C-alpha atoms as a PDB file:
ATOM      1  CA  UNK A   1      33.231 -19.014 -88.159  1.00  0.00           C
ATOM      2  CA  UNK A   2      32.568 -16.308 -85.876  1.00  0.00           C
ATOM      3  CA  UNK A   3      34.801 -13.386 -83.914  1.00  0.00           C
ATOM      4  CA  UNK A   4      32.237 -14.517 -81.254  1.00  0.00           C
ATOM      5  CA  UNK A   5      32.415 -18.143 -81.748  1.00  0.00           C
ATOM      6  CA  UNK A   6      36.227 -18.445 -82.112  1.00  0.00           C
ATOM      7  CA  UNK A   7      36.613 -16.441 -78.158  1.00  0.00           C
ATOM      8  CA  UNK A   8      33.827 -18.720 -76.990  1.00  0.00           C
ATOM      9  CA  UNK A   9      36.364 -21.401 -78.214  1.00  0.00           C
ATOM     10  CA  UNK A  10      39.035 -20.720 -77.179  1.00  0.00           C
ATOM     11  CA  UNK A  11      37.755 -19.592 -73.257  1.00  0.00           C
ATOM     12  CA  UNK A  12      36.238 -23.673 -73.453  1.00  0.00           C
ATOM     13  CA  UNK A  13      40.110 -24.561 -74.467  1.00  0.00           C
ATOM     14  CA  UNK A  14      41.659 -22.889 -71.797  1.00  0.00           C
ATOM     15  CA  UNK A  15      38.735 -23.166 -68.365  1.00  0.00           C
ATOM     16  CA  UNK A  16      39.293 -27.118 -69.816  1.00  0.00           C
ATOM     17  CA  UNK A  17      42.885 -27.393 -69.594  1.00  0.00           C
ATOM     18  CA  UNK A  18      42.563 -24.845 -66.121  1.00  0.00           C
ATOM     19  CA  UNK A  19      40.384 -27.261 -64.844  1.00  0.00           C
ATOM     20  CA  UNK A  20      42.174 -30.517 -66.114  1.00  0.00           C
ATOM     21  CA  UNK A  21      45.929 -28.997 -64.540  1.00  0.00           C
ATOM     22  CA  UNK A  22      43.729 -28.506 -61.172  1.00  0.00           C
ATOM     23  CA  UNK A  23      42.568 -32.174 -61.392  1.00  0.00           C
ATOM     24  CA  UNK A  24      46.037 -33.050 -61.394  1.00  0.00           C
ATOM     25  CA  UNK A  25      47.701 -31.355 -59.067  1.00  0.00           C
ATOM     26  CA  UNK A  26      44.717 -32.593 -56.500  1.00  0.00           C
ATOM     27  CA  UNK A  27      45.231 -35.740 -57.082  1.00  0.00           C
ATOM     28  CA  UNK A  28      49.135 -35.227 -57.018  1.00  0.00           C
ATOM     29  CA  UNK A  29      48.585 -33.988 -52.772  1.00  0.00           C
ATOM     30  CA  UNK A  30      45.312 -37.333 -52.909  1.00  0.00           C
ATOM     31  CA  UNK A  31      48.559 -39.548 -53.196  1.00  0.00           C
ATOM     32  CA  UNK A  32      50.711 -37.678 -51.191  1.00  0.00           C
ATOM     33  CA  UNK A  33      48.811 -37.220 -48.118  1.00  0.00           C
ATOM     34  CA  UNK A  34      48.079 -41.407 -49.429  1.00  0.00           C
ATOM     35  CA  UNK A  35      51.796 -42.560 -49.009  1.00  0.00           C
ATOM     36  CA  UNK A  36      52.734 -40.355 -46.368  1.00  0.00           C
ATOM     37  CA  UNK A  37      50.238 -41.843 -43.423  1.00  0.00           C
ATOM     38  CA  UNK A  38      51.783 -45.530 -45.493  1.00  0.00           C
ATOM     39  CA  UNK A  39      54.468 -44.605 -44.530  1.00  0.00           C
ATOM     40  CA  UNK A  40      54.069 -43.176 -39.944  1.00  0.00           C
ATOM     41  CA  UNK A  41      51.505 -46.548 -40.527  1.00  0.00           C
ATOM     42  CA  UNK A  42      54.798 -48.537 -41.197  1.00  0.00           C
ATOM     43  CA  UNK A  43      57.045 -46.371 -38.808  1.00  0.00           C
ATOM     44  CA  UNK A  44      54.744 -46.383 -35.799  1.00  0.00           C
ATOM     45  CA  UNK A  45      54.786 -50.621 -36.284  1.00  0.00           C
ATOM     46  CA  UNK A  46      58.199 -50.630 -34.965  1.00  0.00           C
ATOM     47  CA  UNK A  47      58.377 -46.915 -33.320  1.00  0.00           C
ATOM     48  CA  UNK A  48      55.049 -46.861 -31.795  1.00  0.00           C
ATOM     49  CA  UNK A  49      56.031 -43.533 -30.382  1.00  0.00           C
ATOM     50  CA  UNK A  50      56.926 -42.224 -33.753  1.00  0.00           C
ATOM     51  CA  UNK A  51      56.789 -37.712 -34.032  1.00  0.00           C
ATOM     52  CA  UNK A  52      56.734 -36.615 -36.950  1.00  0.00           C
ATOM     53  CA  UNK A  53      59.254 -33.119 -35.752  1.00  0.00           C
ATOM     54  CA  UNK A  54      59.471 -32.440 -40.102  1.00  0.00           C
ATOM     55  CA  UNK A  55      60.867 -28.783 -40.533  1.00  0.00           C
ATOM     56  CA  UNK A  56      59.436 -27.806 -44.381  1.00  0.00           C
ATOM     57  CA  UNK A  57      62.961 -28.716 -45.840  1.00  0.00           C
ATOM     58  CA  UNK A  58      61.728 -29.518 -49.342  1.00  0.00           C
ATOM     59  CA  UNK A  59      61.842 -33.101 -49.963  1.00  0.00           C
ATOM     60  CA  UNK A  60      62.319 -34.314 -46.278  1.00  0.00           C
ATOM     61  CA  UNK A  61      60.317 -36.092 -43.729  1.00  0.00           C
ATOM     62  CA  UNK A  62      62.013 -36.852 -39.846  1.00  0.00           C
ATOM     63  CA  UNK A  63      60.215 -39.347 -37.955  1.00  0.00           C
ATOM     64  CA  UNK A  64      62.122 -39.321 -33.678  1.00  0.00           C
ATOM     65  CA  UNK A  65      61.030 -41.911 -31.228  1.00  0.00           C
ATOM     66  CA  UNK A  66      62.363 -44.420 -29.500  1.00  0.00           C
ATOM     67  CA  UNK A  67      63.162 -48.402 -29.747  1.00  0.00           C
ATOM     68  CA  UNK A  68      64.216 -50.207 -26.957  1.00  0.00           C
ATOM     69  CA  UNK A  69      65.291 -47.927 -24.472  1.00  0.00           C
ATOM     70  CA  UNK A  70      67.093 -46.189 -27.273  1.00  0.00           C
ATOM     71  CA  UNK A  71      65.743 -42.737 -29.109  1.00  0.00           C
ATOM     72  CA  UNK A  72      65.608 -43.418 -32.585  1.00  0.00           C
ATOM     73  CA  UNK A  73      65.530 -41.185 -36.151  1.00  0.00           C
ATOM     74  CA  UNK A  74      63.961 -41.753 -39.089  1.00  0.00           C
ATOM     75  CA  UNK A  75      64.041 -39.866 -42.272  1.00  0.00           C
ATOM     76  CA  UNK A  76      63.022 -40.176 -45.821  1.00  0.00           C
ATOM     77  CA  UNK A  77      65.615 -37.540 -48.370  1.00  0.00           C
ATOM     78  CA  UNK A  78      64.601 -36.936 -52.255  1.00  0.00           C
ATOM     79  CA  UNK A  79      67.894 -35.758 -53.651  1.00  0.00           C
ATOM     80  CA  UNK A  80      67.574 -34.270 -56.909  1.00  0.00           C
ATOM     81  CA  UNK A  81      70.718 -33.303 -57.255  1.00  0.00           C
ATOM     82  CA  UNK A  82      71.880 -32.330 -60.964  1.00  0.00           C
ATOM     83  CA  UNK A  83      75.445 -34.648 -60.123  1.00  0.00           C
ATOM     84  CA  UNK A  84      72.925 -37.657 -60.264  1.00  0.00           C
ATOM     85  CA  UNK A  85      71.746 -39.726 -63.410  1.00  0.00           C
ATOM     86  CA  UNK A  86      68.286 -39.835 -61.218  1.00  0.00           C
ATOM     87  CA  UNK A  87      66.334 -38.557 -58.469  1.00  0.00           C
ATOM     88  CA  UNK A  88      66.696 -40.666 -55.665  1.00  0.00           C
ATOM     89  CA  UNK A  89      64.744 -41.298 -52.988  1.00  0.00           C
ATOM     90  CA  UNK A  90      66.874 -41.862 -49.468  1.00  0.00           C
ATOM     91  CA  UNK A  91      65.878 -43.490 -46.490  1.00  0.00           C
ATOM     92  CA  UNK A  92      68.528 -42.607 -43.680  1.00  0.00           C
ATOM     93  CA  UNK A  93      67.827 -45.007 -39.545  1.00  0.00           C
ATOM     94  CA  UNK A  94      69.814 -43.379 -36.541  1.00  0.00           C
ATOM     95  CA  UNK A  95      70.158 -44.394 -32.744  1.00  0.00           C
ATOM     96  CA  UNK A  96      70.974 -41.469 -31.481  1.00  0.00           C
ATOM     97  CA  UNK A  97      72.831 -42.414 -27.717  1.00  0.00           C
ATOM     98  CA  UNK A  98      76.175 -42.376 -26.993  1.00  0.00           C
ATOM     99  CA  UNK A  99      78.817 -43.858 -28.827  1.00  0.00           C
ATOM    100  CA  UNK A 100      82.500 -44.701 -27.476  1.00  0.00           C
ATOM    101  CA  UNK A 101      84.440 -43.474 -31.172  1.00  0.00           C
ATOM    102  CA  UNK A 102      86.827 -40.198 -30.851  1.00  0.00           C
ATOM    103  CA  UNK A 103      85.961 -38.982 -33.852  1.00  0.00           C
ATOM    104  CA  UNK A 104      83.822 -39.410 -37.328  1.00  0.00           C
ATOM    105  CA  UNK A 105      83.496 -42.946 -39.113  1.00  0.00           C
ATOM    106  CA  UNK A 106      81.712 -41.495 -42.894  1.00  0.00           C
ATOM    107  CA  UNK A 107      82.138 -45.186 -45.159  1.00  0.00           C
ATOM    108  CA  UNK A 108      80.270 -44.682 -48.286  1.00  0.00           C
ATOM    109  CA  UNK A 109      80.090 -46.846 -50.764  1.00  0.00           C
ATOM    110  CA  UNK A 110      80.908 -45.948 -54.775  1.00  0.00           C
ATOM    111  CA  UNK A 111      80.670 -42.278 -53.550  1.00  0.00           C
ATOM    112  CA  UNK A 112      80.967 -40.298 -57.124  1.00  0.00           C
ATOM    113  CA  UNK A 113      79.009 -37.492 -57.019  1.00  0.00           C
ATOM    114  CA  UNK A 114      78.197 -34.717 -54.090  1.00  0.00           C
ATOM    115  CA  UNK A 115      74.460 -36.148 -51.234  1.00  0.00           C
ATOM    116  CA  UNK A 116      71.785 -33.772 -49.826  1.00  0.00           C
ATOM    117  CA  UNK A 117      72.188 -36.452 -46.731  1.00  0.00           C
ATOM    118  CA  UNK A 118      75.495 -37.027 -46.008  1.00  0.00           C
ATOM    119  CA  UNK A 119      79.156 -34.616 -44.743  1.00  0.00           C
ATOM    120  CA  UNK A 120      80.898 -36.957 -46.471  1.00  0.00           C
ATOM    121  CA  UNK A 121      82.321 -35.216 -49.082  1.00  0.00           C
ATOM    122  CA  UNK A 122      83.678 -32.033 -45.956  1.00  0.00           C
ATOM    123  CA  UNK A 123      85.738 -34.454 -43.944  1.00  0.00           C
ATOM    124  CA  UNK A 124      89.436 -34.341 -44.852  1.00  0.00           C
ATOM    125  CA  UNK A 125      91.069 -37.252 -43.944  1.00  0.00           C
ATOM    126  CA  UNK A 126      90.339 -41.118 -46.036  1.00  0.00           C
ATOM    127  CA  UNK A 127      91.323 -43.981 -43.773  1.00  0.00           C
ATOM    128  CA  UNK A 128      93.632 -47.378 -45.021  1.00  0.00           C
ATOM    129  CA  UNK A 129      90.402 -50.352 -45.337  1.00  0.00           C
ATOM    130  CA  UNK A 130      90.700 -53.096 -42.476  1.00  0.00           C
ATOM    131  CA  UNK A 131      90.345 -56.339 -44.611  1.00  0.00           C
ATOM    132  CA  UNK A 132      85.981 -57.548 -44.576  1.00  0.00           C
ATOM    133  CA  UNK A 133      85.205 -53.561 -46.011  1.00  0.00           C
ATOM    134  CA  UNK A 134      83.531 -53.888 -49.274  1.00  0.00           C
ATOM    135  CA  UNK A 135      85.282 -52.797 -52.252  1.00  0.00           C
ATOM    136  CA  UNK A 136      83.615 -50.404 -53.336  1.00  0.00           C
ATOM    137  CA  UNK A 137      83.570 -48.833 -49.499  1.00  0.00           C
ATOM    138  CA  UNK A 138      85.587 -45.624 -48.742  1.00  0.00           C
ATOM    139  CA  UNK A 139      86.479 -44.625 -45.625  1.00  0.00           C
ATOM    140  CA  UNK A 140      86.835 -41.171 -43.894  1.00  0.00           C
ATOM    141  CA  UNK A 141      87.230 -39.250 -40.745  1.00  0.00           C
ATOM    142  CA  UNK A 142      87.077 -35.816 -39.778  1.00  0.00           C
ATOM    143  CA  UNK A 143      90.521 -35.824 -37.255  1.00  0.00           C
ATOM    144  CA  UNK A 144      94.157 -38.252 -39.138  1.00  0.00           C
ATOM    145  CA  UNK A 145      95.909 -40.792 -36.820  1.00  0.00           C
ATOM    146  CA  UNK A 146      92.339 -41.239 -34.918  1.00  0.00           C
ATOM    147  CA  UNK A 147      92.068 -44.721 -34.671  1.00  0.00           C
ATOM    148  CA  UNK A 148      88.688 -46.637 -35.053  1.00  0.00           C
ATOM    149  CA  UNK A 149      87.382 -51.101 -33.597  1.00  0.00           C
ATOM    150  CA  UNK A 150      87.301 -51.123 -38.296  1.00  0.00           C
ATOM    151  CA  UNK A 151      87.390 -55.015 -37.056  1.00  0.00           C
ATOM    152  CA  UNK A 152      84.730 -55.173 -34.770  1.00  0.00           C
ATOM    153  CA  UNK A 153      82.465 -52.051 -37.565  1.00  0.00           C
ATOM    154  CA  UNK A 154      83.565 -54.541 -40.613  1.00  0.00           C
ATOM    155  CA  UNK A 155      81.922 -57.726 -38.688  1.00  0.00           C
ATOM    156  CA  UNK A 156      78.461 -55.424 -38.663  1.00  0.00           C
ATOM    157  CA  UNK A 157      77.704 -54.894 -42.459  1.00  0.00           C
ATOM    158  CA  UNK A 158      75.595 -57.573 -42.718  1.00  0.00           C
ATOM    159  CA  UNK A 159      72.918 -54.479 -45.368  1.00  0.00           C
ATOM    160  CA  UNK A 160      75.692 -53.230 -47.366  1.00  0.00           C
ATOM    161  CA  UNK A 161      75.722 -56.962 -49.005  1.00  0.00           C
ATOM    162  CA  UNK A 162      73.188 -56.215 -51.728  1.00  0.00           C
ATOM    163  CA  UNK A 163      73.997 -53.275 -52.656  1.00  0.00           C
ATOM    164  CA  UNK A 164      70.676 -50.563 -51.463  1.00  0.00           C
ATOM    165  CA  UNK A 165      72.627 -49.943 -48.082  1.00  0.00           C
ATOM    166  CA  UNK A 166      75.228 -46.400 -49.075  1.00  0.00           C
ATOM    167  CA  UNK A 167      76.513 -44.642 -46.194  1.00  0.00           C
ATOM    168  CA  UNK A 168      77.596 -46.090 -42.207  1.00  0.00           C
ATOM    169  CA  UNK A 169      77.976 -43.099 -40.144  1.00  0.00           C
ATOM    170  CA  UNK A 170      79.397 -43.236 -36.232  1.00  0.00           C
ATOM    171  CA  UNK A 171      80.061 -40.377 -34.234  1.00  0.00           C
ATOM    172  CA  UNK A 172      80.167 -40.195 -30.565  1.00  0.00           C
ATOM    173  CA  UNK A 173      76.175 -39.549 -30.944  1.00  0.00           C
ATOM    174  CA  UNK A 174      74.613 -41.953 -32.717  1.00  0.00           C
ATOM    175  CA  UNK A 175      74.674 -44.658 -35.507  1.00  0.00           C
ATOM    176  CA  UNK A 176      73.592 -44.014 -38.895  1.00  0.00           C
ATOM    177  CA  UNK A 177      72.829 -46.085 -41.866  1.00  0.00           C
ATOM    178  CA  UNK A 178      71.147 -44.819 -45.229  1.00  0.00           C
ATOM    179  CA  UNK A 179      69.511 -46.680 -47.262  1.00  0.00           C
ATOM    180  CA  UNK A 180      68.073 -46.418 -51.298  1.00  0.00           C
ATOM    181  CA  UNK A 181      63.910 -46.814 -51.211  1.00  0.00           C
ATOM    182  CA  UNK A 182      63.966 -45.709 -55.197  1.00  0.00           C
ATOM    183  CA  UNK A 183      65.174 -43.919 -58.370  1.00  0.00           C
ATOM    184  CA  UNK A 184      63.137 -42.237 -59.778  1.00  0.00           C
ATOM    185  CA  UNK A 185      60.894 -43.125 -63.160  1.00  0.00           C
ATOM    186  CA  UNK A 186      63.074 -42.494 -66.164  1.00  0.00           C
ATOM    187  CA  UNK A 187      60.580 -41.682 -68.447  1.00  0.00           C
ATOM    188  CA  UNK A 188      58.429 -38.952 -66.399  1.00  0.00           C
ATOM    189  CA  UNK A 189      61.312 -37.317 -65.465  1.00  0.00           C
ATOM    190  CA  UNK A 190      63.025 -37.602 -68.596  1.00  0.00           C
ATOM    191  CA  UNK A 191      60.560 -35.672 -69.563  1.00  0.00           C
ATOM    192  CA  UNK A 192      58.771 -33.103 -67.628  1.00  0.00           C
ATOM    193  CA  UNK A 193      61.566 -33.248 -65.032  1.00  0.00           C
ATOM    194  CA  UNK A 194      59.432 -34.768 -61.858  1.00  0.00           C
ATOM    195  CA  UNK A 195      60.710 -36.461 -59.277  1.00  0.00           C
ATOM    196  CA  UNK A 196      57.681 -39.281 -59.071  1.00  0.00           C
ATOM    197  CA  UNK A 197      59.557 -42.406 -57.290  1.00  0.00           C
ATOM    198  CA  UNK A 198      55.770 -44.475 -57.632  1.00  0.00           C
ATOM    199  CA  UNK A 199      54.733 -47.102 -55.627  1.00  0.00           C
ATOM    200  CA  UNK A 200      57.671 -46.859 -53.129  1.00  0.00           C
ATOM    201  CA  UNK A 201      56.952 -46.974 -49.663  1.00  0.00           C
ATOM    202  CA  UNK A 202      58.593 -47.893 -46.716  1.00  0.00           C
ATOM    203  CA  UNK A 203      58.800 -50.954 -45.189  1.00  0.00           C
ATOM    204  CA  UNK A 204      58.859 -51.457 -41.478  1.00  0.00           C
ATOM    205  CA  UNK A 205      60.966 -55.605 -41.302  1.00  0.00           C
ATOM    206  CA  UNK A 206      63.689 -52.403 -42.995  1.00  0.00           C
ATOM    207  CA  UNK A 207      63.355 -49.829 -40.708  1.00  0.00           C
ATOM    208  CA  UNK A 208      63.703 -52.752 -36.974  1.00  0.00           C
ATOM    209  CA  UNK A 209      66.400 -54.292 -39.277  1.00  0.00           C
ATOM    210  CA  UNK A 210      68.817 -52.249 -39.582  1.00  0.00           C
ATOM    211  CA  UNK A 211      68.095 -50.584 -36.463  1.00  0.00           C
ATOM    212  CA  UNK A 212      69.232 -54.121 -34.704  1.00  0.00           C
ATOM    213  CA  UNK A 213      71.840 -54.163 -36.877  1.00  0.00           C
ATOM    214  CA  UNK A 214      72.913 -49.725 -35.501  1.00  0.00           C
ATOM    215  CA  UNK A 215      71.952 -51.789 -32.297  1.00  0.00           C
ATOM    216  CA  UNK A 216      74.339 -54.844 -32.426  1.00  0.00           C
ATOM    217  CA  UNK A 217      77.219 -52.288 -34.291  1.00  0.00           C
ATOM    218  CA  UNK A 218      76.442 -49.736 -31.068  1.00  0.00           C
ATOM    219  CA  UNK A 219      76.526 -52.395 -28.528  1.00  0.00           C
ATOM    220  CA  UNK A 220      79.952 -54.422 -29.635  1.00  0.00           C
ATOM    221  CA  UNK A 221      81.769 -51.099 -30.002  1.00  0.00           C
ATOM    222  CA  UNK A 222      80.581 -49.501 -26.410  1.00  0.00           C
ATOM    223  CA  UNK A 223      81.358 -53.500 -25.147  1.00  0.00           C
ATOM    224  CA  UNK A 224      84.930 -53.502 -26.530  1.00  0.00           C
ATOM    225  CA  UNK A 225      86.052 -49.506 -25.130  1.00  0.00           C
ATOM    226  CA  UNK A 226      84.235 -50.999 -21.959  1.00  0.00           C
ATOM    227  CA  UNK A 227      86.425 -54.241 -21.995  1.00  0.00           C
ATOM    228  CA  UNK A 228      89.692 -51.536 -22.890  1.00  0.00           C
ATOM    229  CA  UNK A 229      89.336 -49.344 -19.332  1.00  0.00           C
END
Protein backbone atom coordinates (compact mmCIF):
# COMPACT_ATOMS: atom_id res chain seq x y z
CA UNK A 1 0.00 0.00 0.00
CA UNK A 2 1.45 3.35 -1.05
CA UNK A 3 1.92 6.26 1.33
CA UNK A 4 -0.79 8.21 -0.52
CA UNK A 5 -3.27 5.36 -0.15
CA UNK A 6 -2.40 4.97 3.52
CA UNK A 7 -2.91 8.68 4.11
CA UNK A 8 -6.27 8.64 2.33
CA UNK A 9 -7.40 5.62 4.33
CA UNK A 10 -6.33 7.23 7.61
CA UNK A 11 -8.14 10.41 6.65
CA UNK A 12 -11.29 8.48 5.82
CA UNK A 13 -11.18 6.73 9.18
CA UNK A 14 -10.75 10.03 11.03
CA UNK A 15 -13.60 11.60 9.07
CA UNK A 16 -15.85 8.61 9.81
CA UNK A 17 -15.08 8.89 13.52
CA UNK A 18 -15.74 12.64 13.55
CA UNK A 19 -19.07 12.15 11.79
CA UNK A 20 -20.02 9.30 14.15
CA UNK A 21 -19.27 11.34 17.26
CA UNK A 22 -21.18 14.29 15.85
CA UNK A 23 -24.16 12.01 15.23
CA UNK A 24 -23.95 10.69 18.79
CA UNK A 25 -23.83 14.23 20.18
CA UNK A 26 -26.82 15.28 18.07
CA UNK A 27 -28.80 12.22 19.16
CA UNK A 28 -27.96 12.97 22.80
CA UNK A 29 -29.18 16.56 22.42
CA UNK A 30 -32.38 15.39 20.73
CA UNK A 31 -33.05 12.92 23.54
CA UNK A 32 -32.38 15.57 26.16
CA UNK A 33 -34.79 17.97 24.45
CA UNK A 34 -37.49 15.29 24.24
CA UNK A 35 -36.98 14.35 27.90
CA UNK A 36 -37.24 18.01 28.97
CA UNK A 37 -40.45 18.46 26.98
CA UNK A 38 -41.93 15.32 28.56
CA UNK A 39 -40.99 16.45 32.08
CA UNK A 40 -42.46 19.91 31.53
CA UNK A 41 -45.69 18.38 30.23
CA UNK A 42 -45.98 16.24 33.38
CA UNK A 43 -45.26 19.20 35.64
CA UNK A 44 -47.84 21.41 33.92
CA UNK A 45 -50.45 18.69 34.32
CA UNK A 46 -50.36 19.56 38.03
CA UNK A 47 -48.86 23.07 38.08
CA UNK A 48 -50.51 24.62 35.04
CA UNK A 49 -48.58 27.89 35.14
CA UNK A 50 -45.17 26.32 35.83
CA UNK A 51 -42.37 28.37 34.30
CA UNK A 52 -38.84 27.14 33.69
CA UNK A 53 -36.67 29.50 35.75
CA UNK A 54 -33.45 27.49 35.54
CA UNK A 55 -30.29 29.57 35.87
CA UNK A 56 -28.01 27.41 33.76
CA UNK A 57 -26.39 25.43 36.57
CA UNK A 58 -25.21 22.11 35.17
CA UNK A 59 -27.51 19.25 36.10
CA UNK A 60 -30.16 21.50 37.71
CA UNK A 61 -33.56 22.39 36.24
CA UNK A 62 -36.07 24.53 38.14
CA UNK A 63 -39.75 25.34 37.63
CA UNK A 64 -41.95 27.67 39.65
CA UNK A 65 -45.70 28.21 39.64
CA UNK A 66 -48.83 27.99 41.76
CA UNK A 67 -50.83 25.01 42.99
CA UNK A 68 -54.03 25.27 45.03
CA UNK A 69 -53.30 28.93 45.70
CA UNK A 70 -49.77 28.24 46.99
CA UNK A 71 -46.44 29.14 45.42
CA UNK A 72 -44.49 25.99 44.57
CA UNK A 73 -41.11 25.09 43.20
CA UNK A 74 -40.01 21.88 41.48
CA UNK A 75 -36.38 21.11 40.78
CA UNK A 76 -34.40 18.20 39.39
CA UNK A 77 -30.79 17.82 40.50
CA UNK A 78 -28.18 15.45 39.10
CA UNK A 79 -25.84 14.59 41.97
CA UNK A 80 -22.46 13.34 40.74
CA UNK A 81 -20.43 13.74 43.93
CA UNK A 82 -17.58 11.24 43.93
CA UNK A 83 -18.59 9.91 47.36
CA UNK A 84 -21.73 8.34 45.84
CA UNK A 85 -21.51 4.84 44.37
CA UNK A 86 -23.59 6.02 41.41
CA UNK A 87 -24.78 9.46 40.34
CA UNK A 88 -28.40 10.12 41.26
CA UNK A 89 -31.19 12.25 39.87
CA UNK A 90 -33.30 13.87 42.57
CA UNK A 91 -36.68 15.58 42.45
CA UNK A 92 -37.14 18.44 44.93
CA UNK A 93 -40.75 19.53 45.53
CA UNK A 94 -41.36 22.64 47.65
CA UNK A 95 -44.23 24.80 48.85
CA UNK A 96 -42.68 28.20 49.48
CA UNK A 97 -45.25 29.67 51.87
CA UNK A 98 -44.95 30.65 55.56
CA UNK A 99 -44.78 27.87 58.14
CA UNK A 100 -45.14 28.39 61.90
CA UNK A 101 -41.78 26.95 62.99
CA UNK A 102 -39.08 28.94 64.82
CA UNK A 103 -36.07 27.55 62.96
CA UNK A 104 -34.90 25.01 60.37
CA UNK A 105 -36.03 21.39 60.83
CA UNK A 106 -34.23 18.95 58.52
CA UNK A 107 -34.92 15.22 58.45
CA UNK A 108 -32.48 13.22 56.30
CA UNK A 109 -32.84 9.52 55.62
CA UNK A 110 -29.65 7.46 55.92
CA UNK A 111 -27.24 10.41 55.84
CA UNK A 112 -23.88 8.97 54.88
CA UNK A 113 -22.31 11.37 52.41
CA UNK A 114 -22.63 15.00 51.35
CA UNK A 115 -25.29 15.95 48.81
CA UNK A 116 -25.59 18.76 46.29
CA UNK A 117 -29.23 19.51 47.14
CA UNK A 118 -29.14 20.08 50.90
CA UNK A 119 -27.41 22.02 53.67
CA UNK A 120 -28.08 19.18 56.12
CA UNK A 121 -24.34 18.64 56.71
CA UNK A 122 -23.96 22.28 57.76
CA UNK A 123 -26.59 22.10 60.51
CA UNK A 124 -24.81 21.81 63.84
CA UNK A 125 -27.50 20.53 66.20
CA UNK A 126 -28.96 17.01 66.16
CA UNK A 127 -32.47 16.63 67.58
CA UNK A 128 -33.79 13.68 69.61
CA UNK A 129 -36.52 11.83 67.73
CA UNK A 130 -40.05 11.49 68.99
CA UNK A 131 -41.90 8.20 68.41
CA UNK A 132 -43.14 7.73 64.87
CA UNK A 133 -40.03 8.75 62.94
CA UNK A 134 -38.26 6.22 60.70
CA UNK A 135 -35.34 4.42 62.32
CA UNK A 136 -33.02 5.55 59.48
CA UNK A 137 -33.91 9.23 59.91
CA UNK A 138 -31.62 11.81 61.47
CA UNK A 139 -33.06 15.17 62.59
CA UNK A 140 -31.06 18.39 62.69
CA UNK A 141 -31.67 22.09 63.22
CA UNK A 142 -29.74 25.33 63.01
CA UNK A 143 -30.75 26.51 66.48
CA UNK A 144 -29.95 24.68 69.72
CA UNK A 145 -32.82 24.11 72.13
CA UNK A 146 -35.57 24.72 69.58
CA UNK A 147 -38.78 22.73 70.00
CA UNK A 148 -40.69 21.49 66.96
CA UNK A 149 -44.14 19.84 66.72
CA UNK A 150 -42.57 16.44 66.14
CA UNK A 151 -45.82 14.60 66.83
CA UNK A 152 -47.50 16.45 63.97
CA UNK A 153 -44.53 15.97 61.65
CA UNK A 154 -44.33 12.25 62.42
CA UNK A 155 -47.97 11.89 61.41
CA UNK A 156 -47.27 13.24 57.92
CA UNK A 157 -44.40 11.02 56.76
CA UNK A 158 -46.33 8.73 54.39
CA UNK A 159 -44.03 9.53 51.40
CA UNK A 160 -41.09 8.08 53.34
CA UNK A 161 -42.64 4.62 53.61
CA UNK A 162 -41.21 3.17 50.39
CA UNK A 163 -37.58 4.26 50.72
CA UNK A 164 -37.29 6.76 47.86
CA UNK A 165 -37.95 9.95 49.81
CA UNK A 166 -34.62 11.30 51.06
CA UNK A 167 -35.23 14.57 52.89
CA UNK A 168 -37.97 16.56 54.58
CA UNK A 169 -37.06 20.19 55.15
CA UNK A 170 -39.27 22.58 57.14
CA UNK A 171 -38.32 26.25 57.51
CA UNK A 172 -40.28 29.40 58.36
CA UNK A 173 -40.43 30.05 54.61
CA UNK A 174 -41.64 26.69 53.32
CA UNK A 175 -41.59 22.90 53.25
CA UNK A 176 -39.73 20.55 50.90
CA UNK A 177 -39.40 16.87 50.09
CA UNK A 178 -36.51 15.46 48.05
CA UNK A 179 -37.22 12.24 46.18
CA UNK A 180 -34.90 9.82 44.37
CA UNK A 181 -36.00 9.65 40.74
CA UNK A 182 -33.26 7.34 39.51
CA UNK A 183 -29.67 6.21 39.83
CA UNK A 184 -27.36 6.26 36.81
CA UNK A 185 -27.03 3.21 34.59
CA UNK A 186 -24.22 1.23 36.19
CA UNK A 187 -22.67 -0.15 32.98
CA UNK A 188 -22.41 3.18 31.14
CA UNK A 189 -21.16 5.01 34.21
CA UNK A 190 -18.60 2.31 34.94
CA UNK A 191 -17.14 2.39 31.42
CA UNK A 192 -17.68 5.94 30.17
CA UNK A 193 -18.23 7.83 33.47
CA UNK A 194 -21.46 9.19 31.96
CA UNK A 195 -24.46 9.76 34.23
CA UNK A 196 -27.27 8.36 32.08
CA UNK A 197 -30.69 7.73 33.64
CA UNK A 198 -32.46 5.84 30.85
CA UNK A 199 -36.09 6.73 30.27
CA UNK A 200 -36.75 8.05 33.78
CA UNK A 201 -39.34 10.81 33.65
CA UNK A 202 -41.13 12.97 36.20
CA UNK A 203 -44.50 11.44 37.00
CA UNK A 204 -47.41 13.85 37.40
CA UNK A 205 -49.01 11.54 39.97
CA UNK A 206 -45.85 11.69 42.09
CA UNK A 207 -45.76 15.49 41.93
CA UNK A 208 -49.35 15.72 43.11
CA UNK A 209 -48.80 13.15 45.86
CA UNK A 210 -45.82 15.07 47.27
CA UNK A 211 -47.55 18.45 47.03
CA UNK A 212 -50.63 17.11 48.82
CA UNK A 213 -48.46 15.64 51.58
CA UNK A 214 -46.51 18.89 52.03
CA UNK A 215 -49.69 20.97 52.02
CA UNK A 216 -51.32 18.82 54.69
CA UNK A 217 -48.18 19.00 56.85
CA UNK A 218 -47.95 22.79 56.52
CA UNK A 219 -51.63 23.23 57.30
CA UNK A 220 -51.37 20.97 60.36
CA UNK A 221 -48.37 22.87 61.76
CA UNK A 222 -49.95 26.28 61.20
CA UNK A 223 -53.32 25.17 62.63
CA UNK A 224 -51.62 23.82 65.77
CA UNK A 225 -49.76 27.11 66.24
CA UNK A 226 -52.96 29.13 65.89
CA UNK A 227 -54.74 26.93 68.42
CA UNK A 228 -51.87 27.31 70.89
CA UNK A 229 -51.79 31.10 70.56
